Amino acid sequence: MYTLYYSTQPCCKGQKSAWVVKKYGLRLMPELYEFLNPMPFEAAAQMEKDLAEDLRAEGYTVAGGT
């Protein structure tokens, strides 16, 4: 289960914040991503492409990751 994150940083002021994140978001879940740091840029770019391909293959709409 993923937990969405809602940022309350003053720079954002809610102008581009998603309502679903505001309503259901609690916090970041470090256990989902802490093993990825540090990661070189090239590896991160390749991982983004691979993840986008996998999600598209499962029928998800993905913006980016090309």
PDB file of N, CA and C in Angstrom:
ATOM      1  N   MET A   1       0.851  -1.177   0.000  1.00  0.00           N
ATOM      2  CA  MET A   1       0.000   0.000   0.000  1.00  0.00           C
ATOM      3  C   MET A   1       0.889   1.230   0.000  1.00  0.00           C
ATOM      4  N   TYR A   2       0.683   2.111  -0.940  1.00  0.00           N
ATOM      5  CA  TYR A   2       1.447   3.343  -1.012  1.00  0.00           C
ATOM      6  C   TYR A   2       0.752   4.426  -0.221  1.00  0.00           C
ATOM      7  N   THR A   3       1.520   5.246   0.438  1.00  0.00           N
ATOM      8  CA  THR A   3       0.990   6.379   1.154  1.00  0.00           C
ATOM      9  C   THR A   3       1.375   7.626   0.391  1.00  0.00           C
ATOM     10  N   LEU A   4       0.394   8.444   0.054  1.00  0.00           N
ATOM     11  CA  LEU A   4       0.650   9.665  -0.676  1.00  0.00           C
ATOM     12  C   LEU A   4       1.188  10.716   0.271  1.00  0.00           C
ATOM     13  N   TYR A   5       1.905  11.671  -0.264  1.00  0.00           N
ATOM     14  CA  TYR A   5       2.521  12.711   0.547  1.00  0.00           C
ATOM     15  C   TYR A   5       1.940  14.062   0.179  1.00  0.00           C
ATOM     16  N   TYR A   6       1.558  14.827   1.142  1.00  0.00           N
ATOM     17  CA  TYR A   6       1.050  16.173   0.924  1.00  0.00           C
ATOM     18  C   TYR A   6       2.056  17.166   1.466  1.00  0.00           C
ATOM     19  N   SER A   7       2.553  18.014   0.606  1.00  0.00           N
ATOM     20  CA  SER A   7       3.541  19.009   1.007  1.00  0.00           C
ATOM     21  C   SER A   7       2.830  20.261   1.505  1.00  0.00           C
ATOM     22  N   THR A   8       3.270  20.770   2.633  1.00  0.00           N
ATOM     23  CA  THR A   8       2.720  22.006   3.170  1.00  0.00           C
ATOM     24  C   THR A   8       3.741  23.129   3.072  1.00  0.00           C
ATOM     25  N   GLN A   9       4.671  22.990   2.153  1.00  0.00           N
ATOM     26  CA  GLN A   9       5.700  24.010   1.986  1.00  0.00           C
ATOM     27  C   GLN A   9       5.057  25.304   1.496  1.00  0.00           C
ATOM     28  N   PRO A  10       5.489  26.442   2.037  1.00  0.00           N
ATOM     29  CA  PRO A  10       4.892  27.720   1.659  1.00  0.00           C
ATOM     30  C   PRO A  10       5.082  28.064   0.187  1.00  0.00           C
ATOM     31  N   CYS A  11       6.110  27.507  -0.467  1.00  0.00           N
ATOM     32  CA  CYS A  11       6.353  27.840  -1.866  1.00  0.00           C
ATOM     33  C   CYS A  11       5.263  27.287  -2.768  1.00  0.00           C
ATOM     34  N   CYS A  12       4.604  26.247  -2.377  1.00  0.00           N
ATOM     35  CA  CYS A  12       3.602  25.605  -3.233  1.00  0.00           C
ATOM     36  C   CYS A  12       2.240  26.290  -3.130  1.00  0.00           C
ATOM     37  N   LYS A  13       1.828  26.674  -1.974  1.00  0.00           N
ATOM     38  CA  LYS A  13       0.575  27.366  -1.706  1.00  0.00           C
ATOM     39  C   LYS A  13      -0.649  26.662  -2.297  1.00  0.00           C
ATOM     40  N   GLY A  14      -0.550  25.359  -2.552  1.00  0.00           N
ATOM     41  CA  GLY A  14      -1.704  24.612  -3.001  1.00  0.00           C
ATOM     42  C   GLY A  14      -2.117  24.823  -4.442  1.00  0.00           C
ATOM     43  N   GLN A  15      -1.367  25.578  -5.207  1.00  0.00           N
ATOM     44  CA  GLN A  15      -1.763  25.891  -6.567  1.00  0.00           C
ATOM     45  C   GLN A  15      -1.718  24.685  -7.488  1.00  0.00           C
ATOM     46  N   LYS A  16      -0.794  23.784  -7.261  1.00  0.00           N
ATOM     47  CA  LYS A  16      -0.662  22.616  -8.117  1.00  0.00           C
ATOM     48  C   LYS A  16      -0.780  21.324  -7.319  1.00  0.00           C
ATOM     49  N   SER A  17      -1.364  21.397  -6.169  1.00  0.00           N
ATOM     50  CA  SER A  17      -1.469  20.210  -5.334  1.00  0.00           C
ATOM     51  C   SER A  17      -2.724  19.414  -5.692  1.00  0.00           C
ATOM     52  N   ALA A  18      -2.608  18.106  -5.658  1.00  0.00           N
ATOM     53  CA  ALA A  18      -3.712  17.219  -6.015  1.00  0.00           C
ATOM     54  C   ALA A  18      -4.655  17.049  -4.825  1.00  0.00           C
ATOM     55  N   TRP A  19      -5.947  17.108  -5.082  1.00  0.00           N
ATOM     56  CA  TRP A  19      -6.939  16.978  -4.005  1.00  0.00           C
ATOM     57  C   TRP A  19      -6.859  15.615  -3.349  1.00  0.00           C
ATOM     58  N   VAL A  20      -6.563  14.577  -4.142  1.00  0.00           N
ATOM     59  CA  VAL A  20      -6.523  13.231  -3.569  1.00  0.00           C
ATOM     60  C   VAL A  20      -5.370  13.106  -2.570  1.00  0.00           C
ATOM     61  N   VAL A  21      -4.274  13.798  -2.842  1.00  0.00           N
ATOM     62  CA  VAL A  21      -3.143  13.772  -1.916  1.00  0.00           C
ATOM     63  C   VAL A  21      -3.491  14.552  -0.649  1.00  0.00           C
ATOM     64  N   LYS A  22      -4.156  15.679  -0.812  1.00  0.00           N
ATOM     65  CA  LYS A  22      -4.574  16.451   0.360  1.00  0.00           C
ATOM     66  C   LYS A  22      -5.539  15.653   1.236  1.00  0.00           C
ATOM     67  N   LYS A  23      -6.440  14.919   0.583  1.00  0.00           N
ATOM     68  CA  LYS A  23      -7.470  14.195   1.330  1.00  0.00           C
ATOM     69  C   LYS A  23      -6.934  12.938   2.003  1.00  0.00           C
ATOM     70  N   TYR A  24      -6.099  12.164   1.286  1.00  0.00           N
ATOM     71  CA  TYR A  24      -5.679  10.859   1.797  1.00  0.00           C
ATOM     72  C   TYR A  24      -4.206  10.776   2.175  1.00  0.00           C
ATOM     73  N   GLY A  25      -3.420  11.762   1.780  1.00  0.00           N
ATOM     74  CA  GLY A  25      -1.977  11.695   2.012  1.00  0.00           C
ATOM     75  C   GLY A  25      -1.601  11.841   3.472  1.00  0.00           C
ATOM     76  N   LEU A  26      -0.613  11.070   3.875  1.00  0.00           N
ATOM     77  CA  LEU A  26      -0.160  11.113   5.255  1.00  0.00           C
ATOM     78  C   LEU A  26       1.310  11.482   5.349  1.00  0.00           C
ATOM     79  N   ARG A  27       2.161  10.693   4.710  1.00  0.00           N
ATOM     80  CA  ARG A  27       3.599  10.895   4.827  1.00  0.00           C
ATOM     81  C   ARG A  27       4.310  10.074   3.759  1.00  0.00           C
ATOM     82  N   LEU A  28       5.591  10.323   3.602  1.00  0.00           N
ATOM     83  CA  LEU A  28       6.401   9.493   2.730  1.00  0.00           C
ATOM     84  C   LEU A  28       6.695   8.173   3.429  1.00  0.00           C
ATOM     85  N   MET A  29       6.899   7.136   2.647  1.00  0.00           N
ATOM     86  CA  MET A  29       7.234   5.829   3.210  1.00  0.00           C
ATOM     87  C   MET A  29       8.665   5.475   2.797  1.00  0.00           C
ATOM     88  N   PRO A  30       9.665   5.852   3.609  1.00  0.00           N
ATOM     89  CA  PRO A  30      11.059   5.629   3.245  1.00  0.00           C
ATOM     90  C   PRO A  30      11.396   4.181   2.908  1.00  0.00           C
ATOM     91  N   GLU A  31      10.693   3.237   3.493  1.00  0.00           N
ATOM     92  CA  GLU A  31      11.004   1.830   3.218  1.00  0.00           C
ATOM     93  C   GLU A  31      10.769   1.469   1.755  1.00  0.00           C
ATOM     94  N   LEU A  32      10.030   2.295   1.018  1.00  0.00           N
ATOM     95  CA  LEU A  32       9.782   2.022  -0.392  1.00  0.00           C
ATOM     96  C   LEU A  32      10.887   2.544  -1.306  1.00  0.00           C
ATOM     97  N   TYR A  33      11.703   3.467  -0.816  1.00  0.00           N
ATOM     98  CA  TYR A  33      12.700   4.072  -1.698  1.00  0.00           C
ATOM     99  C   TYR A  33      14.095   4.220  -1.113  1.00  0.00           C
ATOM    100  N   GLU A  34      14.295   3.984   0.166  1.00  0.00           N
ATOM    101  CA  GLU A  34      15.592   4.250   0.775  1.00  0.00           C
ATOM    102  C   GLU A  34      16.727   3.400   0.200  1.00  0.00           C
ATOM    103  N   PHE A  35      16.407   2.209  -0.331  1.00  0.00           N
ATOM    104  CA  PHE A  35      17.447   1.362  -0.909  1.00  0.00           C
ATOM    105  C   PHE A  35      17.959   1.912  -2.237  1.00  0.00           C
ATOM    106  N   LEU A  36      17.275   2.883  -2.814  1.00  0.00           N
ATOM    107  CA  LEU A  36      17.654   3.447  -4.103  1.00  0.00           C
ATOM    108  C   LEU A  36      18.709   4.549  -3.993  1.00  0.00           C
ATOM    109  N   ASN A  37      18.932   5.083  -2.806  1.00  0.00           N
ATOM    110  CA  ASN A  37      19.852   6.210  -2.635  1.00  0.00           C
ATOM    111  C   ASN A  37      21.206   5.759  -2.131  1.00  0.00           C
ATOM    112  N   PRO A  38      22.290   6.313  -2.582  1.00  0.00           N
ATOM    113  CA  PRO A  38      22.395   7.234  -3.716  1.00  0.00           C
ATOM    114  C   PRO A  38      22.373   6.464  -5.029  1.00  0.00           C
ATOM    115  N   MET A  39      21.891   7.094  -6.080  1.00  0.00           N
ATOM    116  CA  MET A  39      21.819   6.463  -7.396  1.00  0.00           C
ATOM    117  C   MET A  39      22.353   7.456  -8.431  1.00  0.00           C
ATOM    118  N   PRO A  40      23.275   7.010  -9.270  1.00  0.00           N
ATOM    119  CA  PRO A  40      23.780   7.902 -10.322  1.00  0.00           C
ATOM    120  C   PRO A  40      22.661   8.287 -11.299  1.00  0.00           C
ATOM    121  N   PHE A  41      22.795   9.431 -11.931  1.00  0.00           N
ATOM    122  CA  PHE A  41      21.767   9.932 -12.838  1.00  0.00           C
ATOM    123  C   PHE A  41      21.465   8.940 -13.951  1.00  0.00           C
ATOM    124  N   GLU A  42      22.492   8.357 -14.545  1.00  0.00           N
ATOM    125  CA  GLU A  42      22.298   7.431 -15.657  1.00  0.00           C
ATOM    126  C   GLU A  42      21.455   6.222 -15.239  1.00  0.00           C
ATOM    127  N   ALA A  43      21.738   5.706 -14.059  1.00  0.00           N
ATOM    128  CA  ALA A  43      20.975   4.564 -13.549  1.00  0.00           C
ATOM    129  C   ALA A  43      19.521   4.961 -13.276  1.00  0.00           C
ATOM    130  N   ALA A  44      19.324   6.168 -12.743  1.00  0.00           N
ATOM    131  CA  ALA A  44      17.972   6.642 -12.465  1.00  0.00           C
ATOM    132  C   ALA A  44      17.184   6.831 -13.758  1.00  0.00           C
ATOM    133  N   ALA A  45      17.827   7.365 -14.778  1.00  0.00           N
ATOM    134  CA  ALA A  45      17.160   7.567 -16.066  1.00  0.00           C
ATOM    135  C   ALA A  45      16.755   6.227 -16.680  1.00  0.00           C
ATOM    136  N   GLN A  46      17.635   5.242 -16.595  1.00  0.00           N
ATOM    137  CA  GLN A  46      17.314   3.925 -17.130  1.00  0.00           C
ATOM    138  C   GLN A  46      16.199   3.252 -16.329  1.00  0.00           C
ATOM    139  N   MET A  47      16.225   3.409 -15.008  1.00  0.00           N
ATOM    140  CA  MET A  47      15.190   2.822 -14.171  1.00  0.00           C
ATOM    141  C   MET A  47      13.831   3.447 -14.489  1.00  0.00           C
ATOM    142  N   GLU A  48      13.816   4.753 -14.751  1.00  0.00           N
ATOM    143  CA  GLU A  48      12.566   5.425 -15.101  1.00  0.00           C
ATOM    144  C   GLU A  48      11.997   4.852 -16.403  1.00  0.00           C
ATOM    145  N   LYS A  49      12.856   4.643 -17.387  1.00  0.00           N
ATOM    146  CA  LYS A  49      12.410   4.059 -18.660  1.00  0.00           C
ATOM    147  C   LYS A  49      11.855   2.648 -18.452  1.00  0.00           C
ATOM    148  N   ASP A  50      12.585   1.851 -17.691  1.00  0.00           N
ATOM    149  CA  ASP A  50      12.153   0.467 -17.443  1.00  0.00           C
ATOM    150  C   ASP A  50      10.821   0.415 -16.700  1.00  0.00           C
ATOM    151  N   LEU A  51      10.683   1.263 -15.679  1.00  0.00           N
ATOM    152  CA  LEU A  51       9.447   1.297 -14.911  1.00  0.00           C
ATOM    153  C   LEU A  51       8.276   1.752 -15.778  1.00  0.00           C
ATOM    154  N   ALA A  52       8.503   2.758 -16.614  1.00  0.00           N
ATOM    155  CA  ALA A  52       7.444   3.243 -17.501  1.00  0.00           C
ATOM    156  C   ALA A  52       7.000   2.142 -18.458  1.00  0.00           C
ATOM    157  N   GLU A  53       7.944   1.408 -19.009  1.00  0.00           N
ATOM    158  CA  GLU A  53       7.609   0.298 -19.911  1.00  0.00           C
ATOM    159  C   GLU A  53       6.794  -0.771 -19.188  1.00  0.00           C
ATOM    160  N   ASP A  54       7.218  -1.118 -17.980  1.00  0.00           N
ATOM    161  CA  ASP A  54       6.507  -2.134 -17.198  1.00  0.00           C
ATOM    162  C   ASP A  54       5.072  -1.698 -16.884  1.00  0.00           C
ATOM    163  N   LEU A  55       4.914  -0.441 -16.491  1.00  0.00           N
ATOM    164  CA  LEU A  55       3.578   0.054 -16.161  1.00  0.00           C
ATOM    165  C   LEU A  55       2.693   0.117 -17.397  1.00  0.00           C
ATOM    166  N   ARG A  56       3.238   0.538 -18.533  1.00  0.00           N
ATOM    167  CA  ARG A  56       2.463   0.555 -19.777  1.00  0.00           C
ATOM    168  C   ARG A  56       2.040  -0.849 -20.176  1.00  0.00           C
ATOM    169  N   ALA A  57       2.940  -1.814 -19.992  1.00  0.00           N
ATOM    170  CA  ALA A  57       2.623  -3.210 -20.328  1.00  0.00           C
ATOM    171  C   ALA A  57       1.481  -3.739 -19.463  1.00  0.00           C
ATOM    172  N   GLU A  58       1.340  -3.192 -18.246  1.00  0.00           N
ATOM    173  CA  GLU A  58       0.248  -3.597 -17.352  1.00  0.00           C
ATOM    174  C   GLU A  58      -1.032  -2.803 -17.595  1.00  0.00           C
ATOM    175  N   GLY A  59      -0.990  -1.872 -18.571  1.00  0.00           N
ATOM    176  CA  GLY A  59      -2.181  -1.125 -18.923  1.00  0.00           C
ATOM    177  C   GLY A  59      -2.327   0.244 -18.296  1.00  0.00           C
ATOM    178  N   TYR A  60      -1.302   0.704 -17.575  1.00  0.00           N
ATOM    179  CA  TYR A  60      -1.361   2.027 -16.963  1.00  0.00           C
ATOM    180  C   TYR A  60      -0.977   3.089 -17.983  1.00  0.00           C
ATOM    181  N   THR A  61      -1.535   4.284 -17.824  1.00  0.00           N
ATOM    182  CA  THR A  61      -1.131   5.421 -18.635  1.00  0.00           C
ATOM    183  C   THR A  61       0.048   6.078 -17.931  1.00  0.00           C
ATOM    184  N   VAL A  62       1.132   6.279 -18.673  1.00  0.00           N
ATOM    185  CA  VAL A  62       2.345   6.832 -18.081  1.00  0.00           C
ATOM    186  C   VAL A  62       2.780   8.038 -18.890  1.00  0.00           C
ATOM    187  N   ALA A  63       2.981   9.161 -18.231  1.00  0.00           N
ATOM    188  CA  ALA A  63       3.538  10.346 -18.871  1.00  0.00           C
ATOM    189  C   ALA A  63       5.013  10.400 -18.528  1.00  0.00           C
ATOM    190  N   GLY A  64       5.849  10.545 -19.529  1.00  0.00           N
ATOM    191  CA  GLY A  64       7.292  10.564 -19.300  1.00  0.00           C
ATOM    192  C   GLY A  64       7.867   9.173 -19.386  1.00  0.00           C
ATOM    193  N   GLY A  65       9.110   9.055 -18.983  1.00  0.00           N
ATOM    194  CA  GLY A  65       9.765   7.754 -19.013  1.00  0.00           C
ATOM    195  C   GLY A  65      10.063   7.258 -20.402  1.00  0.00           C
ATOM    196  N   THR A  66      10.329   8.218 -21.315  1.00  0.00           N
ATOM    197  CA  THR A  66      10.612   7.817 -22.692  1.00  0.00           C
ATOM    198  C   THR A  66      12.075   7.888 -23.009  1.00  0.00           C
TER     199      THR A  66
END
